[in-house]
PDB file of N, CA and C in Angstrom:
ATOM      1  N   MET A   1       0.584  -1.015  -0.078  1.00  0.00           N
ATOM      2  CA  MET A   1      -0.090  -0.051  -0.222  1.00  0.00           C
ATOM      3  C   MET A   1       1.161   0.963  -0.125  1.00  0.00           C
ATOM      4  N   GLU A   2       0.579   2.233  -0.612  1.00  0.00           N
ATOM      5  CA  GLU A   2       0.992   3.320  -0.919  1.00  0.00           C
ATOM      6  C   GLU A   2       1.042   4.392  -0.007  1.00  0.00           C
ATOM      7  N   LEU A   3       1.961   5.024   0.552  1.00  0.00           N
ATOM      8  CA  LEU A   3       1.764   5.906   1.807  1.00  0.00           C
ATOM      9  C   LEU A   3       1.325   7.235   1.436  1.00  0.00           C
ATOM     10  N   GLU A   4       0.410   7.365   2.335  1.00  0.00           N
ATOM     11  CA  GLU A   4      -0.861   8.530   1.568  1.00  0.00           C
ATOM     12  C   GLU A   4      -0.447   9.939   1.846  1.00  0.00           C
ATOM     13  N   ASN A   5       0.797  10.520   2.232  1.00  0.00           N
ATOM     14  CA  ASN A   5       1.346  11.796   2.614  1.00  0.00           C
ATOM     15  C   ASN A   5       1.541  12.340   1.529  1.00  0.00           C
ATOM     16  N   ASN A   6       0.098  13.108   0.827  1.00  0.00           N
ATOM     17  CA  ASN A   6       0.647  13.099  -0.672  1.00  0.00           C
ATOM     18  C   ASN A   6       0.360  14.702  -0.491  1.00  0.00           C
ATOM     19  N   ALA A   7       0.628  15.423  -1.611  1.00  0.00           N
ATOM     20  CA  ALA A   7       0.096  16.507  -2.191  1.00  0.00           C
ATOM     21  C   ALA A   7      -1.167  17.069  -1.834  1.00  0.00           C
ATOM     22  N   TYR A   8      -2.042  16.089  -2.323  1.00  0.00           N
ATOM     23  CA  TYR A   8      -3.506  16.665  -2.465  1.00  0.00           C
ATOM     24  C   TYR A   8      -3.690  16.652  -1.110  1.00  0.00           C
ATOM     25  N   PHE A   9      -3.890  16.135  -0.111  1.00  0.00           N
ATOM     26  CA  PHE A   9      -4.101  15.762   1.191  1.00  0.00           C
ATOM     27  C   PHE A   9      -3.591  17.061   2.262  1.00  0.00           C
ATOM     28  N   TRP A  10      -2.642  17.353   1.692  1.00  0.00           N
ATOM     29  CA  TRP A  10      -1.897  18.758   2.615  1.00  0.00           C
ATOM     30  C   TRP A  10      -2.785  20.050   1.715  1.00  0.00           C
ATOM     31  N   GLN A  11      -2.877  20.043   0.580  1.00  0.00           N
ATOM     32  CA  GLN A  11      -3.570  20.964  -0.437  1.00  0.00           C
ATOM     33  C   GLN A  11      -5.104  21.046   0.500  1.00  0.00           C
ATOM     34  N   LYS A  12      -6.028  20.009   0.597  1.00  0.00           N
ATOM     35  CA  LYS A  12      -7.298  20.405   1.205  1.00  0.00           C
ATOM     36  C   LYS A  12      -6.991  21.144   2.782  1.00  0.00           C
ATOM     37  N   LEU A  13      -5.702  20.915   3.442  1.00  0.00           N
ATOM     38  CA  LEU A  13      -5.572  21.404   4.604  1.00  0.00           C
ATOM     39  C   LEU A  13      -5.558  22.827   4.438  1.00  0.00           C
ATOM     40  N   ASP A  14      -4.366  23.053   3.297  1.00  0.00           N
ATOM     41  CA  ASP A  14      -4.450  24.366   3.287  1.00  0.00           C
ATOM     42  C   ASP A  14      -5.816  25.225   3.074  1.00  0.00           C
ATOM     43  N   THR A  15      -6.575  24.567   2.051  1.00  0.00           N
ATOM     44  CA  THR A  15      -7.747  25.035   1.897  1.00  0.00           C
ATOM     45  C   THR A  15      -8.396  25.526   3.281  1.00  0.00           C
ATOM     46  N   LEU A  16      -8.310  24.459   3.900  1.00  0.00           N
ATOM     47  CA  LEU A  16      -9.470  24.749   5.026  1.00  0.00           C
ATOM     48  C   LEU A  16      -8.948  25.512   6.119  1.00  0.00           C
ATOM     49  N   TYR A  17      -7.859  25.911   6.217  1.00  0.00           N
ATOM     50  CA  TYR A  17      -6.887  26.648   7.059  1.00  0.00           C
ATOM     51  C   TYR A  17      -7.456  28.393   6.084  1.00  0.00           C
ATOM     52  N   LEU A  18      -7.266  28.879   5.244  1.00  0.00           N
ATOM     53  CA  LEU A  18      -7.208  30.035   4.198  1.00  0.00           C
ATOM     54  C   LEU A  18      -8.747  30.167   4.529  1.00  0.00           C
ATOM     55  N   SER A  19      -9.528  29.133   4.796  1.00  0.00           N
ATOM     56  CA  SER A  19     -11.127  29.403   4.398  1.00  0.00           C
ATOM     57  C   SER A  19     -11.704  29.693   5.583  1.00  0.00           C
ATOM     58  N   GLY A  20     -10.898  29.497   6.752  1.00  0.00           N
ATOM     59  CA  GLY A  20     -11.227  30.016   7.805  1.00  0.00           C
ATOM     60  C   GLY A  20     -10.651  31.250   8.937  1.00  0.00           C
ATOM     61  N   ASP A  21     -11.462  31.749   9.990  1.00  0.00           N
ATOM     62  CA  ASP A  21     -10.379  32.681  10.474  1.00  0.00           C
ATOM     63  C   ASP A  21      -9.792  31.991  11.568  1.00  0.00           C
ATOM     64  N   LEU A  22      -8.424  32.569  12.051  1.00  0.00           N
ATOM     65  CA  LEU A  22      -7.897  31.809  12.852  1.00  0.00           C
ATOM     66  C   LEU A  22      -8.115  33.066  14.448  1.00  0.00           C
ATOM     67  N   ILE A  23      -8.689  32.105  15.267  1.00  0.00           N
ATOM     68  CA  ILE A  23      -9.183  33.277  16.612  1.00  0.00           C
ATOM     69  C   ILE A  23      -7.914  32.207  17.318  1.00  0.00           C
ATOM     70  N   ILE A  24      -7.526  33.285  18.133  1.00  0.00           N
ATOM     71  CA  ILE A  24      -6.211  33.159  19.094  1.00  0.00           C
ATOM     72  C   ILE A  24      -6.794  32.817  20.581  1.00  0.00           C
ATOM     73  N   ASP A  25      -6.962  31.708  20.966  1.00  0.00           N
ATOM     74  CA  ASP A  25      -7.529  31.568  22.575  1.00  0.00           C
ATOM     75  C   ASP A  25      -6.610  31.730  23.278  1.00  0.00           C
ATOM     76  N   ARG A  26      -5.277  31.535  23.228  1.00  0.00           N
ATOM     77  CA  ARG A  26      -4.042  31.371  24.235  1.00  0.00           C
ATOM     78  C   ARG A  26      -3.003  31.720  23.796  1.00  0.00           C
ATOM     79  N   PRO A  27      -2.560  33.032  23.858  1.00  0.00           N
ATOM     80  CA  PRO A  27      -1.570  33.789  23.380  1.00  0.00           C
ATOM     81  C   PRO A  27      -0.186  32.967  23.906  1.00  0.00           C
ATOM     82  N   LYS A  28       0.851  32.904  23.511  1.00  0.00           N
ATOM     83  CA  LYS A  28       2.093  32.619  23.722  1.00  0.00           C
ATOM     84  C   LYS A  28       2.390  32.674  25.087  1.00  0.00           C
ATOM     85  N   GLY A  29       3.128  31.869  25.985  1.00  0.00           N
ATOM     86  CA  GLY A  29       3.341  32.723  26.879  1.00  0.00           C
ATOM     87  C   GLY A  29       2.013  32.675  28.283  1.00  0.00           C
ATOM     88  N   THR A  30       1.024  32.262  27.966  1.00  0.00           N
ATOM     89  CA  THR A  30      -0.310  31.746  28.967  1.00  0.00           C
ATOM     90  C   THR A  30      -0.388  30.458  29.262  1.00  0.00           C
ATOM     91  N   SER A  31      -0.925  30.421  30.375  1.00  0.00           N
ATOM     92  CA  SER A  31      -1.110  29.263  31.155  1.00  0.00           C
ATOM     93  C   SER A  31      -2.311  28.214  30.601  1.00  0.00           C
ATOM     94  N   HIS A  32      -2.113  27.231  30.554  1.00  0.00           N
ATOM     95  CA  HIS A  32      -3.328  26.550  30.291  1.00  0.00           C
ATOM     96  C   HIS A  32      -4.722  26.499  31.323  1.00  0.00           C
ATOM     97  N   PRO A  33      -5.590  26.546  31.105  1.00  0.00           N
ATOM     98  CA  PRO A  33      -6.523  26.933  31.750  1.00  0.00           C
ATOM     99  C   PRO A  33      -7.018  25.801  32.903  1.00  0.00           C
ATOM    100  N   SER A  34      -6.484  24.523  32.701  1.00  0.00           N
ATOM    101  CA  SER A  34      -6.789  23.791  33.667  1.00  0.00           C
ATOM    102  C   SER A  34      -5.507  23.372  34.511  1.00  0.00           C
ATOM    103  N   TYR A  35      -4.433  23.718  33.771  1.00  0.00           N
ATOM    104  CA  TYR A  35      -3.045  22.961  34.471  1.00  0.00           C
ATOM    105  C   TYR A  35      -2.093  24.324  34.424  1.00  0.00           C
ATOM    106  N   SER A  36      -2.087  25.202  35.406  1.00  0.00           N
ATOM    107  CA  SER A  36      -1.667  26.504  35.345  1.00  0.00           C
ATOM    108  C   SER A  36       0.140  26.119  34.748  1.00  0.00           C
ATOM    109  N   ASN A  37       0.973  25.075  35.299  1.00  0.00           N
ATOM    110  CA  ASN A  37       1.884  24.917  35.382  1.00  0.00           C
ATOM    111  C   ASN A  37       2.266  24.576  33.740  1.00  0.00           C
ATOM    112  N   LEU A  38       1.344  24.601  32.724  1.00  0.00           N
ATOM    113  CA  LEU A  38       1.691  24.629  31.241  1.00  0.00           C
ATOM    114  C   LEU A  38       1.707  25.645  30.528  1.00  0.00           C
ATOM    115  N   ILE A  39       2.453  25.940  30.154  1.00  0.00           N
ATOM    116  CA  ILE A  39       3.004  27.506  29.540  1.00  0.00           C
ATOM    117  C   ILE A  39       2.849  27.236  27.920  1.00  0.00           C
ATOM    118  N   TYR A  40       1.746  27.931  27.288  1.00  0.00           N
ATOM    119  CA  TYR A  40       1.753  27.795  25.760  1.00  0.00           C
ATOM    120  C   TYR A  40       3.007  28.321  25.126  1.00  0.00           C
ATOM    121  N   PRO A  41       4.358  27.568  24.188  1.00  0.00           N
ATOM    122  CA  PRO A  41       5.041  27.966  23.710  1.00  0.00           C
ATOM    123  C   PRO A  41       4.829  28.893  22.539  1.00  0.00           C
ATOM    124  N   VAL A  42       3.905  29.003  21.929  1.00  0.00           N
ATOM    125  CA  VAL A  42       3.325  29.632  20.684  1.00  0.00           C
ATOM    126  C   VAL A  42       1.823  29.929  20.849  1.00  0.00           C
ATOM    127  N   ASP A  43       1.636  31.066  20.003  1.00  0.00           N
ATOM    128  CA  ASP A  43      -0.111  31.197  20.014  1.00  0.00           C
ATOM    129  C   ASP A  43      -1.016  29.741  19.568  1.00  0.00           C
ATOM    130  N   TYR A  44      -2.106  29.770  20.468  1.00  0.00           N
ATOM    131  CA  TYR A  44      -2.704  28.240  20.327  1.00  0.00           C
ATOM    132  C   TYR A  44      -4.215  28.777  19.748  1.00  0.00           C
ATOM    133  N   GLY A  45      -5.060  28.734  18.966  1.00  0.00           N
ATOM    134  CA  GLY A  45      -6.108  28.883  18.771  1.00  0.00           C
ATOM    135  C   GLY A  45      -7.053  27.991  17.924  1.00  0.00           C
ATOM    136  N   HIS A  46      -8.063  28.523  17.325  1.00  0.00           N
ATOM    137  CA  HIS A  46      -8.752  27.319  16.350  1.00  0.00           C
ATOM    138  C   HIS A  46      -9.304  27.948  14.789  1.00  0.00           C
ATOM    139  N   LEU A  47      -9.657  27.472  14.293  1.00  0.00           N
ATOM    140  CA  LEU A  47     -10.479  28.032  12.842  1.00  0.00           C
ATOM    141  C   LEU A  47     -11.923  28.326  13.287  1.00  0.00           C
ATOM    142  N   LYS A  48     -12.233  29.238  13.024  1.00  0.00           N
ATOM    143  CA  LYS A  48     -13.759  30.075  13.235  1.00  0.00           C
ATOM    144  C   LYS A  48     -14.564  29.676  11.536  1.00  0.00           C
ATOM    145  N   ASP A  49     -15.733  29.269  11.161  1.00  0.00           N
ATOM    146  CA  ASP A  49     -16.629  29.439  10.422  1.00  0.00           C
ATOM    147  C   ASP A  49     -16.261  28.297   9.489  1.00  0.00           C
ATOM    148  N   ILE A  50     -16.035  26.934  10.333  1.00  0.00           N
ATOM    149  CA  ILE A  50     -15.474  26.011   9.439  1.00  0.00           C
ATOM    150  C   ILE A  50     -16.859  24.824   9.450  1.00  0.00           C
ATOM    151  N   GLN A  51     -17.236  24.784   8.912  1.00  0.00           N
ATOM    152  CA  GLN A  51     -18.866  23.951   8.604  1.00  0.00           C
ATOM    153  C   GLN A  51     -18.696  22.425   9.159  1.00  0.00           C
ATOM    154  N   ASN A  52     -19.532  21.853   9.643  1.00  0.00           N
ATOM    155  CA  ASN A  52     -19.638  20.258  10.146  1.00  0.00           C
ATOM    156  C   ASN A  52     -18.190  20.104  11.078  1.00  0.00           C
ATOM    157  N   SER A  53     -17.929  20.992  11.818  1.00  0.00           N
ATOM    158  CA  SER A  53     -16.796  20.525  12.821  1.00  0.00           C
ATOM    159  C   SER A  53     -16.658  21.634  13.993  1.00  0.00           C
ATOM    160  N   GLU A  54     -16.464  20.968  15.109  1.00  0.00           N
ATOM    161  CA  GLU A  54     -16.605  22.259  16.246  1.00  0.00           C
ATOM    162  C   GLU A  54     -15.417  22.819  16.003  1.00  0.00           C
ATOM    163  N   HIS A  55     -14.282  22.329  16.100  1.00  0.00           N
ATOM    164  CA  HIS A  55     -13.280  23.034  15.911  1.00  0.00           C
ATOM    165  C   HIS A  55     -11.791  22.777  15.300  1.00  0.00           C
ATOM    166  N   ILE A  56     -11.433  23.364  14.450  1.00  0.00           N
ATOM    167  CA  ILE A  56      -9.849  23.043  13.729  1.00  0.00           C
ATOM    168  C   ILE A  56      -8.639  23.320  14.744  1.00  0.00           C
ATOM    169  N   ALA A  57      -8.545  22.810  16.012  1.00  0.00           N
ATOM    170  CA  ALA A  57      -6.956  23.605  16.542  1.00  0.00           C
ATOM    171  C   ALA A  57      -6.046  24.085  16.081  1.00  0.00           C
ATOM    172  N   CYS A  58      -5.253  25.197  16.121  1.00  0.00           N
ATOM    173  CA  CYS A  58      -3.922  25.492  15.511  1.00  0.00           C
ATOM    174  C   CYS A  58      -2.593  26.338  16.626  1.00  0.00           C
ATOM    175  N   TYR A  59      -1.786  25.692  16.216  1.00  0.00           N
ATOM    176  CA  TYR A  59      -0.658  26.592  17.151  1.00  0.00           C
ATOM    177  C   TYR A  59       0.006  27.239  15.937  1.00  0.00           C
ATOM    178  N   ARG A  60       0.272  28.408  15.980  1.00  0.00           N
ATOM    179  CA  ARG A  60       0.513  29.467  15.561  1.00  0.00           C
ATOM    180  C   ARG A  60       2.206  30.116  15.692  1.00  0.00           C
ATOM    181  N   GLY A  61       3.311  29.993  14.734  1.00  0.00           N
ATOM    182  CA  GLY A  61       4.155  30.410  15.180  1.00  0.00           C
ATOM    183  C   GLY A  61       4.524  31.570  14.724  1.00  0.00           C
ATOM    184  N   SER A  62       6.231  31.584  14.531  1.00  0.00           N
ATOM    185  CA  SER A  62       6.377  33.023  14.406  1.00  0.00           C
ATOM    186  C   SER A  62       6.493  33.387  12.772  1.00  0.00           C
ATOM    187  N   GLU A  63       6.271  32.474  12.099  1.00  0.00           N
ATOM    188  CA  GLU A  63       6.936  32.785  10.495  1.00  0.00           C
ATOM    189  C   GLU A  63       5.398  33.040   9.485  1.00  0.00           C
ATOM    190  N   LYS A  64       5.519  33.674   8.769  1.00  0.00           N
ATOM    191  CA  LYS A  64       4.073  33.755   8.308  1.00  0.00           C
ATOM    192  C   LYS A  64       4.305  32.361   7.408  1.00  0.00           C
ATOM    193  N   ALA A  65       2.759  32.141   7.322  1.00  0.00           N
ATOM    194  CA  ALA A  65       2.460  31.197   6.730  1.00  0.00           C
ATOM    195  C   ALA A  65       1.176  31.402   5.626  1.00  0.00           C
ATOM    196  N   SER A  66       1.013  30.781   4.317  1.00  0.00           N
ATOM    197  CA  SER A  66      -0.077  30.386   3.820  1.00  0.00           C
ATOM    198  C   SER A  66      -0.236  28.793   3.308  1.00  0.00           C
ATOM    199  N   ALA A  67       0.635  28.046   4.031  1.00  0.00           N
ATOM    200  CA  ALA A  67       0.294  26.757   4.041  1.00  0.00           C
ATOM    201  C   ALA A  67       0.923  25.825   5.249  1.00  0.00           C
ATOM    202  N   ILE A  68       0.281  24.781   5.367  1.00  0.00           N
ATOM    203  CA  ILE A  68       0.401  24.137   6.433  1.00  0.00           C
ATOM    204  C   ILE A  68       1.513  23.255   6.264  1.00  0.00           C
ATOM    205  N   LYS A  69       2.328  23.340   6.937  1.00  0.00           N
ATOM    206  CA  LYS A  69       3.479  22.282   6.895  1.00  0.00           C
ATOM    207  C   LYS A  69       4.034  21.122   7.698  1.00  0.00           C
ATOM    208  N   ALA A  70       2.744  21.127   8.650  1.00  0.00           N
ATOM    209  CA  ALA A  70       2.865  20.097   9.391  1.00  0.00           C
ATOM    210  C   ALA A  70       1.720  20.117  10.461  1.00  0.00           C
ATOM    211  N   MET A  71       1.277  18.654  11.324  1.00  0.00           N
ATOM    212  CA  MET A  71       0.513  18.849  12.340  1.00  0.00           C
ATOM    213  C   MET A  71       0.688  17.816  13.186  1.00  0.00           C
ATOM    214  N   VAL A  72       0.414  17.856  14.482  1.00  0.00           N
ATOM    215  CA  VAL A  72       0.560  16.677  15.363  1.00  0.00           C
ATOM    216  C   VAL A  72      -1.043  16.167  15.527  1.00  0.00           C
ATOM    217  N   VAL A  73      -0.719  14.852  15.881  1.00  0.00           N
ATOM    218  CA  VAL A  73      -1.822  14.415  16.455  1.00  0.00           C
ATOM    219  C   VAL A  73      -1.432  13.697  17.899  1.00  0.00           C
ATOM    220  N   CYS A  74      -2.313  14.259  18.765  1.00  0.00           N
ATOM    221  CA  CYS A  74      -2.565  13.872  20.504  1.00  0.00           C
ATOM    222  C   CYS A  74      -3.266  12.911  20.452  1.00  0.00           C
ATOM    223  N   ALA A  75      -2.788  11.537  21.627  1.00  0.00           N
ATOM    224  CA  ALA A  75      -3.754  10.864  22.069  1.00  0.00           C
ATOM    225  C   ALA A  75      -3.730  11.438  23.732  1.00  0.00           C
ATOM    226  N   ASP A  76      -4.720  11.386  23.895  1.00  0.00           N
ATOM    227  CA  ASP A  76      -5.287  11.860  25.318  1.00  0.00           C
ATOM    228  C   ASP A  76      -5.927  11.070  26.080  1.00  0.00           C
ATOM    229  N   ILE A  77      -5.511   9.882  27.501  1.00  0.00           N
ATOM    230  CA  ILE A  77      -5.944   9.259  28.082  1.00  0.00           C
ATOM    231  C   ILE A  77      -7.277   9.690  29.110  1.00  0.00           C
ATOM    232  N   LEU A  78      -6.965  11.140  29.437  1.00  0.00           N
ATOM    233  CA  LEU A  78      -7.292  11.644  30.421  1.00  0.00           C
ATOM    234  C   LEU A  78      -9.313  11.828  30.002  1.00  0.00           C
ATOM    235  N   ASN A  79      -8.981  12.590  28.626  1.00  0.00           N
ATOM    236  CA  ASN A  79     -10.716  12.839  28.007  1.00  0.00           C
ATOM    237  C   ASN A  79     -10.859  11.932  26.855  1.00  0.00           C
ATOM    238  N   LYS A  80      -9.620  10.245  27.077  1.00  0.00           N
ATOM    239  CA  LYS A  80     -10.413   9.845  26.118  1.00  0.00           C
ATOM    240  C   LYS A  80     -10.480   9.895  24.458  1.00  0.00           C
ATOM    241  N   ASP A  81      -9.657  10.666  24.105  1.00  0.00           N
ATOM    242  CA  ASP A  81      -9.850  11.502  22.640  1.00  0.00           C
ATOM    243  C   ASP A  81      -8.585  11.434  21.857  1.00  0.00           C
ATOM    244  N   ILE A  82      -8.611  11.655  20.826  1.00  0.00           N
ATOM    245  CA  ILE A  82      -7.434  11.942  19.514  1.00  0.00           C
ATOM    246  C   ILE A  82      -7.738  13.353  19.122  1.00  0.00           C
ATOM    247  N   GLU A  83      -6.886  14.212  19.050  1.00  0.00           N
ATOM    248  CA  GLU A  83      -7.059  15.146  18.233  1.00  0.00           C
ATOM    249  C   GLU A  83      -6.171  15.911  17.166  1.00  0.00           C
ATOM    250  N   VAL A  84      -6.086  16.447  15.965  1.00  0.00           N
ATOM    251  CA  VAL A  84      -5.118  16.489  15.453  1.00  0.00           C
ATOM    252  C   VAL A  84      -5.179  18.412  15.419  1.00  0.00           C
ATOM    253  N   LYS A  85      -3.630  18.787  15.479  1.00  0.00           N
ATOM    254  CA  LYS A  85      -3.946  20.084  15.399  1.00  0.00           C
ATOM    255  C   LYS A  85      -2.949  20.421  14.415  1.00  0.00           C
ATOM    256  N   LEU A  86      -3.362  21.903  13.725  1.00  0.00           N
ATOM    257  CA  LEU A  86      -2.486  22.459  12.727  1.00  0.00           C
ATOM    258  C   LEU A  86      -1.466  23.215  13.231  1.00  0.00           C
ATOM    259  N   LEU A  87       0.006  22.907  12.173  1.00  0.00           N
ATOM    260  CA  LEU A  87       0.923  23.863  12.753  1.00  0.00           C
ATOM    261  C   LEU A  87       1.085  24.836  11.745  1.00  0.00           C
ATOM    262  N   VAL A  88       0.952  25.985  12.026  1.00  0.00           N
ATOM    263  CA  VAL A  88       0.814  27.334  11.119  1.00  0.00           C
ATOM    264  C   VAL A  88       2.032  28.080  11.354  1.00  0.00           C
ATOM    265  N   GLY A  89       2.611  28.386  10.154  1.00  0.00           N
ATOM    266  CA  GLY A  89       3.788  29.482  10.467  1.00  0.00           C
ATOM    267  C   GLY A  89       5.164  29.011  11.620  1.00  0.00           C
ATOM    268  N   CYS A  90       4.913  27.754  12.143  1.00  0.00           N
ATOM    269  CA  CYS A  90       6.162  27.064  12.622  1.00  0.00           C
ATOM    270  C   CYS A  90       7.351  26.624  12.274  1.00  0.00           C
ATOM    271  N   ASN A  91       8.268  26.942  12.574  1.00  0.00           N
ATOM    272  CA  ASN A  91      10.025  27.130  12.461  1.00  0.00           C
ATOM    273  C   ASN A  91       9.953  25.553  13.166  1.00  0.00           C
ATOM    274  N   GLU A  92      11.613  25.262  13.095  1.00  0.00           N
ATOM    275  CA  GLU A  92      11.697  23.710  13.465  1.00  0.00           C
ATOM    276  C   GLU A  92      11.794  23.835  15.370  1.00  0.00           C
ATOM    277  N   LYS A  93      12.363  24.757  15.816  1.00  0.00           N
ATOM    278  CA  LYS A  93      12.843  25.187  17.121  1.00  0.00           C
ATOM    279  C   LYS A  93      11.153  24.903  17.688  1.00  0.00           C
ATOM    280  N   GLU A  94      10.023  25.951  17.297  1.00  0.00           N
ATOM    281  CA  GLU A  94       8.711  25.882  17.625  1.00  0.00           C
ATOM    282  C   GLU A  94       8.199  24.694  17.467  1.00  0.00           C
ATOM    283  N   GLU A  95       8.356  24.086  16.293  1.00  0.00           N
ATOM    284  CA  GLU A  95       7.746  22.350  16.363  1.00  0.00           C
ATOM    285  C   GLU A  95       8.207  21.921  17.875  1.00  0.00           C
ATOM    286  N   ARG A  96       9.394  21.928  18.078  1.00  0.00           N
ATOM    287  CA  ARG A  96      10.023  20.730  19.052  1.00  0.00           C
ATOM    288  C   ARG A  96       9.508  21.277  20.785  1.00  0.00           C
ATOM    289  N   ASP A  97       9.194  22.824  20.411  1.00  0.00           N
ATOM    290  CA  ASP A  97       8.727  23.190  21.756  1.00  0.00           C
ATOM    291  C   ASP A  97       7.096  22.902  21.841  1.00  0.00           C
ATOM    292  N   ILE A  98       6.594  22.653  20.726  1.00  0.00           N
ATOM    293  CA  ILE A  98       5.214  22.201  21.221  1.00  0.00           C
ATOM    294  C   ILE A  98       5.013  20.961  21.162  1.00  0.00           C
ATOM    295  N   LEU A  99       5.978  20.062  20.244  1.00  0.00           N
ATOM    296  CA  LEU A  99       6.144  18.493  20.841  1.00  0.00           C
ATOM    297  C   LEU A  99       6.268  18.504  22.384  1.00  0.00           C
ATOM    298  N   GLY A 100       7.014  19.265  22.866  1.00  0.00           N
ATOM    299  CA  GLY A 100       7.450  19.384  24.455  1.00  0.00           C
ATOM    300  C   GLY A 100       6.283  19.664  25.184  1.00  0.00           C
ATOM    301  N   PHE A 101       5.650  20.417  24.778  1.00  0.00           N
ATOM    302  CA  PHE A 101       4.527  21.150  25.500  1.00  0.00           C
ATOM    303  C   PHE A 101       3.586  20.203  25.923  1.00  0.00           C
ATOM    304  N   LEU A 102       3.276  19.407  24.903  1.00  0.00           N
ATOM    305  CA  LEU A 102       1.985  18.052  24.233  1.00  0.00           C
ATOM    306  C   LEU A 102       2.773  16.861  25.027  1.00  0.00           C
ATOM    307  N   ASN A 103       3.664  16.344  25.310  1.00  0.00           N
ATOM    308  CA  ASN A 103       4.162  15.395  25.856  1.00  0.00           C
ATOM    309  C   ASN A 103       4.832  15.433  27.095  1.00  0.00           C
ATOM    310  N   GLN A 104       4.928  16.615  27.606  1.00  0.00           N
ATOM    311  CA  GLN A 104       5.057  16.893  29.097  1.00  0.00           C
ATOM    312  C   GLN A 104       4.590  16.113  30.094  1.00  0.00           C
ATOM    313  N   THR A 105       3.230  15.453  30.235  1.00  0.00           N
ATOM    314  CA  THR A 105       2.457  14.750  30.712  1.00  0.00           C
ATOM    315  C   THR A 105       2.444  13.155  30.718  1.00  0.00           C
ATOM    316  N   ASP A 106       2.563  12.025  31.798  1.00  0.00           N
ATOM    317  CA  ASP A 106       2.069  11.099  31.338  1.00  0.00           C
ATOM    318  C   ASP A 106       0.570  10.565  30.451  1.00  0.00           C
ATOM    319  N   PHE A 107      -0.394  11.275  30.590  1.00  0.00           N
ATOM    320  CA  PHE A 107      -1.704  11.387  30.263  1.00  0.00           C
ATOM    321  C   PHE A 107      -1.844  11.901  28.385  1.00  0.00           C
ATOM    322  N   GLN A 108      -1.240  12.063  28.020  1.00  0.00           N
ATOM    323  CA  GLN A 108      -1.310  12.887  26.629  1.00  0.00           C
ATOM    324  C   GLN A 108       0.009  12.603  25.926  1.00  0.00           C
ATOM    325  N   LYS A 109       0.513  11.815  24.817  1.00  0.00           N
ATOM    326  CA  LYS A 109       1.567  12.075  24.226  1.00  0.00           C
ATOM    327  C   LYS A 109       0.975  12.192  22.608  1.00  0.00           C
ATOM    328  N   SER A 110       1.756  12.846  21.750  1.00  0.00           N
ATOM    329  CA  SER A 110       1.820  13.261  20.271  1.00  0.00           C
ATOM    330  C   SER A 110       2.791  13.186  19.526  1.00  0.00           C
ATOM    331  N   VAL A 111       2.566  13.134  18.343  1.00  0.00           N
ATOM    332  CA  VAL A 111       3.769  12.708  17.366  1.00  0.00           C
ATOM    333  C   VAL A 111       3.462  14.188  16.208  1.00  0.00           C
ATOM    334  N   ILE A 112       4.446  14.452  15.884  1.00  0.00           N
ATOM    335  CA  ILE A 112       4.501  15.307  14.292  1.00  0.00           C
ATOM    336  C   ILE A 112       4.477  14.680  12.996  1.00  0.00           C
ATOM    337  N   ILE A 113       3.377  15.033  12.307  1.00  0.00           N
ATOM    338  CA  ILE A 113       3.498  14.674  11.058  1.00  0.00           C
ATOM    339  C   ILE A 113       4.032  15.782  10.045  1.00  0.00           C
ATOM    340  N   ARG A 114       4.941  16.066   9.332  1.00  0.00           N
ATOM    341  CA  ARG A 114       5.453  16.728   7.915  1.00  0.00           C
ATOM    342  C   ARG A 114       4.878  16.787   6.790  1.00  0.00           C
ATOM    343  N   ARG A 115       4.534  18.021   6.294  1.00  0.00           N
ATOM    344  CA  ARG A 115       3.815  17.964   4.778  1.00  0.00           C
ATOM    345  C   ARG A 115       4.531  16.992   3.997  1.00  0.00           C
ATOM    346  N   GLY A 116       4.088  16.362   3.342  1.00  0.00           N
ATOM    347  CA  GLY A 116       4.437  15.241   2.191  1.00  0.00           C
ATOM    348  C   GLY A 116       4.524  16.116   0.373  1.00  0.00           C
ATOM    349  N   SER A 117       4.904  15.739  -0.437  1.00  0.00           N
ATOM    350  CA  SER A 117       5.030  16.321  -1.875  1.00  0.00           C
ATOM    351  C   SER A 117       4.574  15.405  -2.672  1.00  0.00           C
ATOM    352  N   ALA A 118       4.793  14.252  -2.548  1.00  0.00           N
ATOM    353  CA  ALA A 118       4.462  13.050  -3.442  1.00  0.00           C
ATOM    354  C   ALA A 118       2.796  13.248  -3.804  1.00  0.00           C
ATOM    355  N   ILE A 119       2.739  12.839  -5.181  1.00  0.00           N
ATOM    356  CA  ILE A 119       1.482  12.452  -5.857  1.00  0.00           C
ATOM    357  C   ILE A 119       1.543  10.952  -5.893  1.00  0.00           C
ATOM    358  N   PRO A 120       0.384  10.274  -5.128  1.00  0.00           N
ATOM    359  CA  PRO A 120       0.318   9.283  -5.590  1.00  0.00           C
ATOM    360  C   PRO A 120       0.020   8.652  -6.922  1.00  0.00           C
ATOM    361  N   ASP A 121       0.312   7.823  -7.452  1.00  0.00           N
ATOM    362  CA  ASP A 121      -0.014   6.922  -8.895  1.00  0.00           C
ATOM    363  C   ASP A 121      -1.639   6.993  -9.045  1.00  0.00           C
ATOM    364  N   TRP A 122      -2.433   6.780  -8.008  1.00  0.00           N
ATOM    365  CA  TRP A 122      -3.653   6.778  -8.244  1.00  0.00           C
ATOM    366  C   TRP A 122      -4.335   7.962  -8.545  1.00  0.00           C
ATOM    367  N   ALA A 123      -3.681   9.088  -7.821  1.00  0.00           N
ATOM    368  CA  ALA A 123      -4.094  10.457  -8.623  1.00  0.00           C
ATOM    369  C   ALA A 123      -3.393  10.871  -9.618  1.00  0.00           C
ATOM    370  N   ASN A 124      -2.710  10.084 -10.477  1.00  0.00           N
ATOM    371  CA  ASN A 124      -2.485  10.795 -11.728  1.00  0.00           C
ATOM    372  C   ASN A 124      -3.021  10.931 -12.720  1.00  0.00           C
ATOM    373  N   SER A 125      -3.517  11.530 -13.373  1.00  0.00           N
ATOM    374  CA  SER A 125      -4.457  11.391 -14.738  1.00  0.00           C
ATOM    375  C   SER A 125      -4.511  11.181 -15.486  1.00  0.00           C
ATOM    376  N   SER A 126      -2.792  10.827 -15.856  1.00  0.00           N
ATOM    377  CA  SER A 126      -2.538  10.294 -17.265  1.00  0.00           C
ATOM    378  C   SER A 126      -2.481   8.446 -16.923  1.00  0.00           C
ATOM    379  N   ASN A 127      -2.781   8.335 -15.891  1.00  0.00           N
ATOM    380  CA  ASN A 127      -2.880   6.585 -15.771  1.00  0.00           C
ATOM    381  C   ASN A 127      -4.234   6.277 -16.481  1.00  0.00           C
TER     382      ASN A 127
END
């Protein structure tokens, strides 16, 4: 089976991001509302005006961005939940800081998925 980290998937994420308004709920340096010892390393918020979804969570770094370069997938055993959070304009240090922030407790662990550029064979219209 072919790895599906392809250009078309990331293009759809870009469309979602660019079609919504990013609302920053928790600016860089603020404490988590439930756990005061957890300090946000970059701005954190969500996209507004997304249909059929409660929200799409985003971490916004210091770089200007019109494309999503990475996302994190978080497994949270306290909330019995899995969440996907987009990384917008984050440099490598900010990505590491976000992973450190998300992985600092035993109750939640996260991985990063970076943007792929491959176009799978099945998506090639010349086949």
